[in-house]
Amino acid sequence: MAQPGQRQKSARRTAPRKQGRVRDRGDVFSVLSRTVREVEAAARNGRVTPAVLTKFQAVALLLRDERARVRTAPGTDSHRAEQLKRLDGIAAILAATAVRNAGLLALLAEDAAVTDAARSLKRDLERDIGIESAREEIAPVKPVTAPVDTESRVVPHSVISR
């Protein structure tokens, strides 16, 4: 017989549990729901920091984009309805969280200003999901040229010093 604190020789050993939680990075629903739950927990605990506001806005933007993508994606109506139902569930959690905090609610407005941090976080979330985000087009900058005196063919000194 084994002493207290010792394992019996015939006792089976169970497989060790995984220490870390494995996250499925490729599923849009898991990324959205995980992020919404993080925001929800912060709002419930009263810790709505600027980082939480940014995360909230980024996930709201991503949710809008995903709804639009699902609506226009090819496939069966039943599959589309199932995906929209899952997105509606995530949106309901987002809305319920926003009701707790006026600052979060203001970020859901259609005319709310989107911060650079929220855009950056949205791109990071899209990369986690596997969506290649379209880079925002930056208008090409036209070089400024100084007027040249064409009659005397003299170039002003300010143009030469550049």
N, C-alpha and C. Protein backbone atom coordinates (compact mmCIF):
# COMPACT_ATOMS: atom_id res chain seq x y z
N MET A 1 0.84 -1.17 0.00
CA MET A 1 0.00 0.00 0.00
C MET A 1 0.89 1.24 0.00
N ALA A 2 0.44 2.26 -0.72
CA ALA A 2 1.24 3.48 -0.85
C ALA A 2 1.04 4.37 0.37
N GLN A 3 2.09 5.07 0.73
CA GLN A 3 2.03 6.02 1.83
C GLN A 3 1.19 7.22 1.40
N PRO A 4 0.63 7.96 2.33
CA PRO A 4 -0.13 9.17 1.97
C PRO A 4 0.75 10.12 1.16
N GLY A 5 0.18 10.65 0.08
CA GLY A 5 0.94 11.56 -0.76
C GLY A 5 1.67 10.86 -1.88
N GLN A 6 1.66 9.51 -1.87
CA GLN A 6 2.32 8.77 -2.94
C GLN A 6 1.26 8.14 -3.82
N ARG A 7 1.62 7.95 -5.06
CA ARG A 7 0.69 7.36 -6.01
C ARG A 7 0.85 5.85 -5.96
N GLN A 8 -0.28 5.15 -6.07
CA GLN A 8 -0.21 3.70 -6.12
C GLN A 8 0.40 3.28 -7.44
N LYS A 9 1.14 2.18 -7.43
CA LYS A 9 1.83 1.72 -8.63
C LYS A 9 0.86 1.31 -9.73
N SER A 10 -0.29 0.81 -9.36
CA SER A 10 -1.22 0.35 -10.38
C SER A 10 -2.15 1.46 -10.88
N ALA A 11 -2.07 2.63 -10.28
CA ALA A 11 -2.95 3.73 -10.68
C ALA A 11 -2.54 4.25 -12.06
N ARG A 12 -3.53 4.51 -12.87
CA ARG A 12 -3.25 5.02 -14.20
C ARG A 12 -2.97 6.51 -14.14
N ARG A 13 -2.14 6.91 -15.00
CA ARG A 13 -1.79 8.31 -15.09
C ARG A 13 -2.65 8.95 -16.19
N THR A 14 -3.23 10.10 -15.90
CA THR A 14 -4.02 10.78 -16.92
C THR A 14 -3.11 11.65 -17.76
N ALA A 15 -3.55 11.91 -18.96
CA ALA A 15 -2.76 12.76 -19.85
C ALA A 15 -2.69 14.18 -19.29
N PRO A 16 -1.53 14.80 -19.36
CA PRO A 16 -1.42 16.16 -18.83
C PRO A 16 -2.29 17.12 -19.65
N ARG A 17 -2.88 18.07 -18.93
CA ARG A 17 -3.70 19.08 -19.61
C ARG A 17 -2.80 20.10 -20.26
N LYS A 18 -3.30 20.66 -21.34
CA LYS A 18 -2.55 21.73 -22.00
C LYS A 18 -2.58 22.96 -21.11
N GLN A 19 -1.44 23.55 -20.92
CA GLN A 19 -1.36 24.69 -20.02
C GLN A 19 -1.96 25.95 -20.65
N GLY A 20 -1.65 26.20 -21.90
CA GLY A 20 -2.15 27.40 -22.56
C GLY A 20 -3.40 27.10 -23.35
N ARG A 21 -4.19 28.11 -23.53
CA ARG A 21 -5.41 27.96 -24.32
C ARG A 21 -5.04 28.11 -25.79
N VAL A 22 -5.48 27.19 -26.60
CA VAL A 22 -5.21 27.24 -28.02
C VAL A 22 -6.30 28.07 -28.68
N ARG A 23 -5.89 29.05 -29.44
CA ARG A 23 -6.86 29.92 -30.09
C ARG A 23 -6.88 29.62 -31.58
N ASP A 24 -8.08 29.55 -32.10
CA ASP A 24 -8.24 29.35 -33.53
C ASP A 24 -8.16 30.70 -34.20
N ARG A 25 -7.04 30.98 -34.83
CA ARG A 25 -6.81 32.29 -35.38
C ARG A 25 -7.45 32.48 -36.76
N GLY A 26 -7.90 31.40 -37.38
CA GLY A 26 -8.40 31.52 -38.73
C GLY A 26 -9.89 31.75 -38.84
N ASP A 27 -10.64 31.68 -37.77
CA ASP A 27 -12.08 31.79 -37.82
C ASP A 27 -12.51 33.21 -37.45
N VAL A 28 -13.25 33.84 -38.35
CA VAL A 28 -13.68 35.21 -38.12
C VAL A 28 -14.59 35.31 -36.89
N PHE A 29 -15.42 34.31 -36.68
CA PHE A 29 -16.35 34.35 -35.55
C PHE A 29 -15.61 34.22 -34.23
N SER A 30 -14.59 33.39 -34.18
CA SER A 30 -13.85 33.24 -32.92
C SER A 30 -13.07 34.51 -32.58
N VAL A 31 -12.49 35.15 -33.59
CA VAL A 31 -11.73 36.38 -33.35
C VAL A 31 -12.68 37.50 -32.90
N LEU A 32 -13.81 37.63 -33.60
CA LEU A 32 -14.77 38.66 -33.22
C LEU A 32 -15.33 38.42 -31.83
N SER A 33 -15.76 37.19 -31.55
CA SER A 33 -16.37 36.92 -30.24
C SER A 33 -15.36 37.06 -29.11
N ARG A 34 -14.13 36.61 -29.33
CA ARG A 34 -13.10 36.75 -28.29
C ARG A 34 -12.86 38.22 -27.97
N THR A 35 -12.76 39.05 -29.00
CA THR A 35 -12.48 40.46 -28.80
C THR A 35 -13.67 41.17 -28.14
N VAL A 36 -14.88 40.82 -28.55
CA VAL A 36 -16.08 41.41 -27.94
C VAL A 36 -16.18 41.01 -26.47
N ARG A 37 -15.84 39.78 -26.15
CA ARG A 37 -15.87 39.33 -24.74
C ARG A 37 -14.84 40.07 -23.90
N GLU A 38 -13.67 40.37 -24.48
CA GLU A 38 -12.66 41.14 -23.76
C GLU A 38 -13.17 42.54 -23.44
N VAL A 39 -13.81 43.18 -24.43
CA VAL A 39 -14.38 44.51 -24.22
C VAL A 39 -15.51 44.46 -23.20
N GLU A 40 -16.35 43.43 -23.30
CA GLU A 40 -17.46 43.26 -22.38
C GLU A 40 -16.97 43.12 -20.94
N ALA A 41 -15.93 42.32 -20.75
CA ALA A 41 -15.38 42.12 -19.40
C ALA A 41 -14.82 43.42 -18.85
N ALA A 42 -14.14 44.20 -19.69
CA ALA A 42 -13.58 45.47 -19.23
C ALA A 42 -14.70 46.44 -18.86
N ALA A 43 -15.77 46.48 -19.66
CA ALA A 43 -16.88 47.39 -19.37
C ALA A 43 -17.61 46.95 -18.10
N ARG A 44 -17.76 45.65 -17.91
CA ARG A 44 -18.44 45.14 -16.72
C ARG A 44 -17.66 45.50 -15.46
N ASN A 45 -16.34 45.47 -15.55
CA ASN A 45 -15.50 45.77 -14.40
C ASN A 45 -15.24 47.27 -14.23
N GLY A 46 -15.78 48.07 -15.14
CA GLY A 46 -15.62 49.52 -15.03
C GLY A 46 -14.26 50.04 -15.47
N ARG A 47 -13.55 49.25 -16.23
CA ARG A 47 -12.21 49.67 -16.67
C ARG A 47 -12.21 49.94 -18.18
N VAL A 48 -12.94 50.95 -18.60
CA VAL A 48 -12.99 51.31 -20.01
C VAL A 48 -11.89 52.34 -20.26
N THR A 49 -10.76 51.83 -20.70
CA THR A 49 -9.59 52.66 -20.99
C THR A 49 -9.61 53.05 -22.47
N PRO A 50 -8.75 53.96 -22.87
CA PRO A 50 -8.66 54.29 -24.30
C PRO A 50 -8.35 53.06 -25.17
N ALA A 51 -7.59 52.11 -24.65
CA ALA A 51 -7.30 50.89 -25.40
C ALA A 51 -8.57 50.06 -25.61
N VAL A 52 -9.43 50.03 -24.61
CA VAL A 52 -10.70 49.30 -24.73
C VAL A 52 -11.61 50.00 -25.73
N LEU A 53 -11.64 51.33 -25.71
CA LEU A 53 -12.42 52.08 -26.69
C LEU A 53 -11.95 51.78 -28.12
N THR A 54 -10.65 51.73 -28.29
CA THR A 54 -10.07 51.42 -29.61
C THR A 54 -10.45 50.02 -30.05
N LYS A 55 -10.35 49.07 -29.12
CA LYS A 55 -10.69 47.68 -29.44
C LYS A 55 -12.18 47.57 -29.80
N PHE A 56 -13.02 48.29 -29.05
CA PHE A 56 -14.45 48.29 -29.32
C PHE A 56 -14.75 48.82 -30.72
N GLN A 57 -14.13 49.95 -31.07
CA GLN A 57 -14.37 50.55 -32.37
C GLN A 57 -13.85 49.66 -33.50
N ALA A 58 -12.70 49.05 -33.30
CA ALA A 58 -12.12 48.18 -34.34
C ALA A 58 -13.01 46.96 -34.58
N VAL A 59 -13.51 46.36 -33.52
CA VAL A 59 -14.34 45.17 -33.69
C VAL A 59 -15.69 45.55 -34.29
N ALA A 60 -16.21 46.73 -33.98
CA ALA A 60 -17.47 47.19 -34.58
C ALA A 60 -17.30 47.40 -36.08
N LEU A 61 -16.18 47.99 -36.48
CA LEU A 61 -15.90 48.19 -37.90
C LEU A 61 -15.74 46.85 -38.62
N LEU A 62 -15.03 45.95 -38.00
CA LEU A 62 -14.81 44.63 -38.60
C LEU A 62 -16.13 43.87 -38.71
N LEU A 63 -16.98 44.01 -37.72
CA LEU A 63 -18.29 43.36 -37.74
C LEU A 63 -19.14 43.90 -38.89
N ARG A 64 -19.13 45.21 -39.08
CA ARG A 64 -19.87 45.81 -40.21
C ARG A 64 -19.36 45.28 -41.55
N ASP A 65 -18.04 45.25 -41.69
CA ASP A 65 -17.45 44.76 -42.94
C ASP A 65 -17.79 43.30 -43.19
N GLU A 66 -17.76 42.51 -42.14
CA GLU A 66 -18.04 41.08 -42.28
C GLU A 66 -19.51 40.85 -42.64
N ARG A 67 -20.42 41.62 -42.06
CA ARG A 67 -21.83 41.51 -42.42
C ARG A 67 -22.03 41.84 -43.90
N ALA A 68 -21.39 42.89 -44.37
CA ALA A 68 -21.51 43.26 -45.78
C ALA A 68 -20.93 42.17 -46.68
N ARG A 69 -19.80 41.58 -46.26
CA ARG A 69 -19.18 40.52 -47.05
C ARG A 69 -20.08 39.29 -47.11
N VAL A 70 -20.66 38.91 -45.98
CA VAL A 70 -21.52 37.72 -45.93
C VAL A 70 -22.76 37.93 -46.79
N ARG A 71 -23.32 39.12 -46.76
CA ARG A 71 -24.53 39.39 -47.56
C ARG A 71 -24.27 39.28 -49.04
N THR A 72 -23.08 39.63 -49.49
CA THR A 72 -22.79 39.60 -50.93
C THR A 72 -22.05 38.34 -51.36
N ALA A 73 -21.65 37.51 -50.42
CA ALA A 73 -20.88 36.31 -50.75
C ALA A 73 -21.76 35.27 -51.45
N PRO A 74 -21.17 34.54 -52.39
CA PRO A 74 -21.93 33.47 -53.03
C PRO A 74 -22.11 32.31 -52.05
N GLY A 75 -23.17 31.57 -52.24
CA GLY A 75 -23.44 30.44 -51.36
C GLY A 75 -24.93 30.25 -51.18
N THR A 76 -25.26 29.27 -50.39
CA THR A 76 -26.67 28.97 -50.17
C THR A 76 -27.27 29.96 -49.18
N ASP A 77 -28.57 30.13 -49.29
CA ASP A 77 -29.26 31.04 -48.39
C ASP A 77 -29.21 30.56 -46.94
N SER A 78 -29.26 29.25 -46.74
CA SER A 78 -29.23 28.74 -45.37
C SER A 78 -27.86 28.98 -44.72
N HIS A 79 -26.79 28.82 -45.49
CA HIS A 79 -25.45 29.08 -44.96
C HIS A 79 -25.29 30.57 -44.64
N ARG A 80 -25.77 31.42 -45.54
CA ARG A 80 -25.70 32.86 -45.33
C ARG A 80 -26.51 33.25 -44.10
N ALA A 81 -27.70 32.67 -43.94
CA ALA A 81 -28.55 32.97 -42.78
C ALA A 81 -27.88 32.53 -41.48
N GLU A 82 -27.21 31.38 -41.51
CA GLU A 82 -26.51 30.90 -40.32
C GLU A 82 -25.37 31.85 -39.94
N GLN A 83 -24.60 32.30 -40.92
CA GLN A 83 -23.51 33.22 -40.63
C GLN A 83 -24.03 34.56 -40.13
N LEU A 84 -25.10 35.06 -40.74
CA LEU A 84 -25.68 36.33 -40.29
C LEU A 84 -26.23 36.22 -38.87
N LYS A 85 -26.77 35.06 -38.54
CA LYS A 85 -27.29 34.83 -37.19
C LYS A 85 -26.15 34.88 -36.17
N ARG A 86 -25.02 34.27 -36.52
CA ARG A 86 -23.87 34.30 -35.61
C ARG A 86 -23.34 35.73 -35.46
N LEU A 87 -23.29 36.47 -36.57
CA LEU A 87 -22.84 37.86 -36.51
C LEU A 87 -23.81 38.72 -35.71
N ASP A 88 -25.11 38.43 -35.83
CA ASP A 88 -26.10 39.17 -35.03
C ASP A 88 -25.91 38.92 -33.54
N GLY A 89 -25.54 37.71 -33.17
CA GLY A 89 -25.28 37.40 -31.77
C GLY A 89 -24.10 38.19 -31.24
N ILE A 90 -23.05 38.29 -32.03
CA ILE A 90 -21.88 39.08 -31.63
C ILE A 90 -22.25 40.55 -31.55
N ALA A 91 -23.06 41.03 -32.51
CA ALA A 91 -23.50 42.43 -32.51
C ALA A 91 -24.37 42.72 -31.29
N ALA A 92 -25.17 41.76 -30.87
CA ALA A 92 -26.02 41.96 -29.68
C ALA A 92 -25.17 42.13 -28.43
N ILE A 93 -24.11 41.34 -28.32
CA ILE A 93 -23.20 41.49 -27.18
C ILE A 93 -22.53 42.86 -27.22
N LEU A 94 -22.13 43.27 -28.42
CA LEU A 94 -21.49 44.57 -28.59
C LEU A 94 -22.45 45.69 -28.20
N ALA A 95 -23.71 45.60 -28.62
CA ALA A 95 -24.70 46.63 -28.30
C ALA A 95 -25.00 46.65 -26.80
N ALA A 96 -25.13 45.48 -26.19
CA ALA A 96 -25.40 45.42 -24.75
C ALA A 96 -24.25 46.01 -23.96
N THR A 97 -23.05 45.81 -24.43
CA THR A 97 -21.87 46.39 -23.77
C THR A 97 -21.87 47.90 -23.95
N ALA A 98 -22.26 48.37 -25.12
CA ALA A 98 -22.27 49.81 -25.40
C ALA A 98 -23.28 50.55 -24.54
N VAL A 99 -24.37 49.88 -24.20
CA VAL A 99 -25.40 50.52 -23.38
C VAL A 99 -24.86 50.85 -21.99
N ARG A 100 -23.91 50.09 -21.51
CA ARG A 100 -23.34 50.32 -20.17
C ARG A 100 -22.47 51.57 -20.11
N ASN A 101 -21.98 52.03 -21.27
CA ASN A 101 -21.02 53.13 -21.27
C ASN A 101 -21.34 54.06 -22.43
N ALA A 102 -21.58 55.33 -22.13
CA ALA A 102 -21.94 56.29 -23.18
C ALA A 102 -20.81 56.51 -24.18
N GLY A 103 -19.58 56.40 -23.72
CA GLY A 103 -18.44 56.56 -24.63
C GLY A 103 -18.40 55.46 -25.68
N LEU A 104 -18.76 54.25 -25.28
CA LEU A 104 -18.82 53.15 -26.24
C LEU A 104 -19.98 53.33 -27.20
N LEU A 105 -21.09 53.79 -26.69
CA LEU A 105 -22.28 53.97 -27.51
C LEU A 105 -22.04 55.00 -28.61
N ALA A 106 -21.30 56.05 -28.30
CA ALA A 106 -21.00 57.09 -29.29
C ALA A 106 -20.15 56.54 -30.43
N LEU A 107 -19.33 55.52 -30.16
CA LEU A 107 -18.48 54.95 -31.20
C LEU A 107 -19.25 54.13 -32.22
N LEU A 108 -20.48 53.75 -31.89
CA LEU A 108 -21.30 52.97 -32.82
C LEU A 108 -22.04 53.83 -33.84
N ALA A 109 -22.03 55.13 -33.65
CA ALA A 109 -22.73 56.02 -34.57
C ALA A 109 -22.10 55.93 -35.96
N GLU A 110 -22.94 56.07 -36.96
CA GLU A 110 -22.47 55.97 -38.34
C GLU A 110 -21.46 57.06 -38.68
N ASP A 111 -21.60 58.24 -38.07
CA ASP A 111 -20.71 59.36 -38.36
C ASP A 111 -19.57 59.50 -37.34
N ALA A 112 -19.34 58.48 -36.53
CA ALA A 112 -18.26 58.53 -35.52
C ALA A 112 -16.91 58.56 -36.23
N ALA A 113 -16.03 59.39 -35.72
CA ALA A 113 -14.68 59.49 -36.29
C ALA A 113 -13.89 58.23 -35.93
N VAL A 114 -13.28 57.64 -36.93
CA VAL A 114 -12.49 56.42 -36.72
C VAL A 114 -11.04 56.84 -36.47
N THR A 115 -10.50 56.40 -35.35
CA THR A 115 -9.13 56.76 -34.99
C THR A 115 -8.13 55.91 -35.78
N ASP A 116 -6.92 56.42 -35.87
CA ASP A 116 -5.86 55.66 -36.54
C ASP A 116 -5.55 54.37 -35.79
N ALA A 117 -5.63 54.43 -34.47
CA ALA A 117 -5.37 53.24 -33.66
C ALA A 117 -6.42 52.16 -33.94
N ALA A 118 -7.67 52.56 -34.12
CA ALA A 118 -8.74 51.60 -34.42
C ALA A 118 -8.53 50.99 -35.80
N ARG A 119 -8.12 51.81 -36.76
CA ARG A 119 -7.83 51.27 -38.11
C ARG A 119 -6.68 50.27 -38.06
N SER A 120 -5.67 50.59 -37.30
CA SER A 120 -4.51 49.71 -37.18
C SER A 120 -4.90 48.39 -36.51
N LEU A 121 -5.67 48.47 -35.44
CA LEU A 121 -6.10 47.26 -34.74
C LEU A 121 -7.02 46.43 -35.64
N LYS A 122 -7.86 47.09 -36.41
CA LYS A 122 -8.74 46.37 -37.34
C LYS A 122 -7.90 45.60 -38.37
N ARG A 123 -6.86 46.23 -38.88
CA ARG A 123 -5.96 45.54 -39.82
C ARG A 123 -5.29 44.34 -39.15
N ASP A 124 -4.90 44.49 -37.88
CA ASP A 124 -4.29 43.38 -37.15
C ASP A 124 -5.28 42.23 -36.97
N LEU A 125 -6.52 42.56 -36.64
CA LEU A 125 -7.55 41.53 -36.49
C LEU A 125 -7.82 40.84 -37.83
N GLU A 126 -7.85 41.62 -38.90
CA GLU A 126 -8.06 41.04 -40.23
C GLU A 126 -6.92 40.09 -40.59
N ARG A 127 -5.72 40.48 -40.21
CA ARG A 127 -4.56 39.62 -40.47
C ARG A 127 -4.67 38.33 -39.66
N ASP A 128 -5.15 38.42 -38.42
CA ASP A 128 -5.36 37.22 -37.59
C ASP A 128 -6.39 36.30 -38.22
N ILE A 129 -7.40 36.89 -38.81
CA ILE A 129 -8.46 36.11 -39.44
C ILE A 129 -7.99 35.51 -40.76
N GLY A 130 -7.11 36.21 -41.42
CA GLY A 130 -6.64 35.75 -42.72
C GLY A 130 -7.22 36.56 -43.86
N ILE A 131 -7.84 37.69 -43.54
CA ILE A 131 -8.38 38.57 -44.56
C ILE A 131 -7.28 39.55 -44.95
N GLU A 132 -7.03 39.64 -46.23
CA GLU A 132 -6.05 40.59 -46.72
C GLU A 132 -6.75 41.94 -46.83
N SER A 133 -6.43 42.86 -45.95
CA SER A 133 -7.12 44.14 -45.94
C SER A 133 -6.62 45.00 -47.09
N ALA A 134 -7.54 45.72 -47.67
CA ALA A 134 -7.19 46.63 -48.76
C ALA A 134 -6.54 47.85 -48.16
N ARG A 135 -5.38 48.15 -48.64
CA ARG A 135 -4.68 49.34 -48.15
C ARG A 135 -5.46 50.57 -48.55
N GLU A 136 -5.55 51.51 -47.64
CA GLU A 136 -6.22 52.76 -47.96
C GLU A 136 -5.37 53.51 -48.95
N GLU A 137 -6.03 53.96 -49.99
CA GLU A 137 -5.31 54.67 -51.03
C GLU A 137 -4.87 56.03 -50.53
N ILE A 138 -3.62 56.32 -50.74
CA ILE A 138 -3.07 57.61 -50.37
C ILE A 138 -2.87 58.38 -51.67
N ALA A 139 -3.42 59.59 -51.71
CA ALA A 139 -3.31 60.39 -52.93
C ALA A 139 -1.85 60.72 -53.18
N PRO A 140 -1.38 60.55 -54.43
CA PRO A 140 0.01 60.87 -54.71
C PRO A 140 0.25 62.36 -54.54
N VAL A 141 1.40 62.67 -54.00
CA VAL A 141 1.76 64.06 -53.76
C VAL A 141 2.38 64.62 -55.02
N LYS A 142 1.84 65.74 -55.46
CA LYS A 142 2.37 66.42 -56.64
C LYS A 142 3.56 67.26 -56.22
N PRO A 143 4.69 67.13 -56.90
CA PRO A 143 5.83 67.97 -56.52
C PRO A 143 5.55 69.43 -56.84
N VAL A 144 5.97 70.28 -55.95
CA VAL A 144 5.78 71.72 -56.14
C VAL A 144 6.97 72.24 -56.92
N THR A 145 6.67 72.89 -58.00
CA THR A 145 7.76 73.44 -58.81
C THR A 145 7.72 74.95 -58.74
N ALA A 146 8.88 75.53 -58.72
CA ALA A 146 8.99 76.98 -58.68
C ALA A 146 8.89 77.50 -60.11
N PRO A 147 8.31 78.67 -60.26
CA PRO A 147 8.21 79.23 -61.61
C PRO A 147 9.60 79.55 -62.16
N VAL A 148 9.78 79.23 -63.41
CA VAL A 148 11.06 79.47 -64.07
C VAL A 148 10.87 80.62 -65.05
N ASP A 149 11.81 81.55 -65.03
CA ASP A 149 11.76 82.68 -65.96
C ASP A 149 12.22 82.16 -67.31
N THR A 150 11.26 81.98 -68.24
CA THR A 150 11.58 81.37 -69.54
C THR A 150 12.24 82.35 -70.49
N GLU A 151 12.07 83.65 -70.28
CA GLU A 151 12.67 84.61 -71.20
C GLU A 151 14.17 84.71 -71.00
N SER A 152 14.63 84.78 -69.79
CA SER A 152 16.06 84.95 -69.56
C SER A 152 16.75 83.63 -69.27
N ARG A 153 15.96 82.55 -69.17
CA ARG A 153 16.50 81.22 -68.87
C ARG A 153 17.29 81.19 -67.57
N VAL A 154 16.89 82.01 -66.63
CA VAL A 154 17.54 82.06 -65.34
C VAL A 154 16.63 81.33 -64.35
N VAL A 155 17.22 80.40 -63.62
CA VAL A 155 16.47 79.66 -62.62
C VAL A 155 16.66 80.36 -61.29
N PRO A 156 15.58 80.64 -60.59
CA PRO A 156 15.73 81.30 -59.28
C PRO A 156 16.58 80.47 -58.33
N HIS A 157 17.29 81.16 -57.46
CA HIS A 157 18.20 80.52 -56.52
C HIS A 157 17.48 79.54 -55.60
N SER A 158 16.22 79.84 -55.24
CA SER A 158 15.49 78.96 -54.32
C SER A 158 15.26 77.57 -54.91
N VAL A 159 15.18 77.46 -56.22
CA VAL A 159 14.98 76.16 -56.86
C VAL A 159 16.28 75.37 -56.86
N ILE A 160 17.38 76.03 -57.03
CA ILE A 160 18.68 75.36 -57.07
C ILE A 160 19.06 74.81 -55.71
N SER A 161 18.72 75.50 -54.64
CA SER A 161 19.13 75.08 -53.30
C SER A 161 18.34 73.88 -52.78
N ARG A 162 17.34 73.45 -53.49
CA ARG A 162 16.56 72.30 -53.02
C ARG A 162 17.29 71.07 -53.27
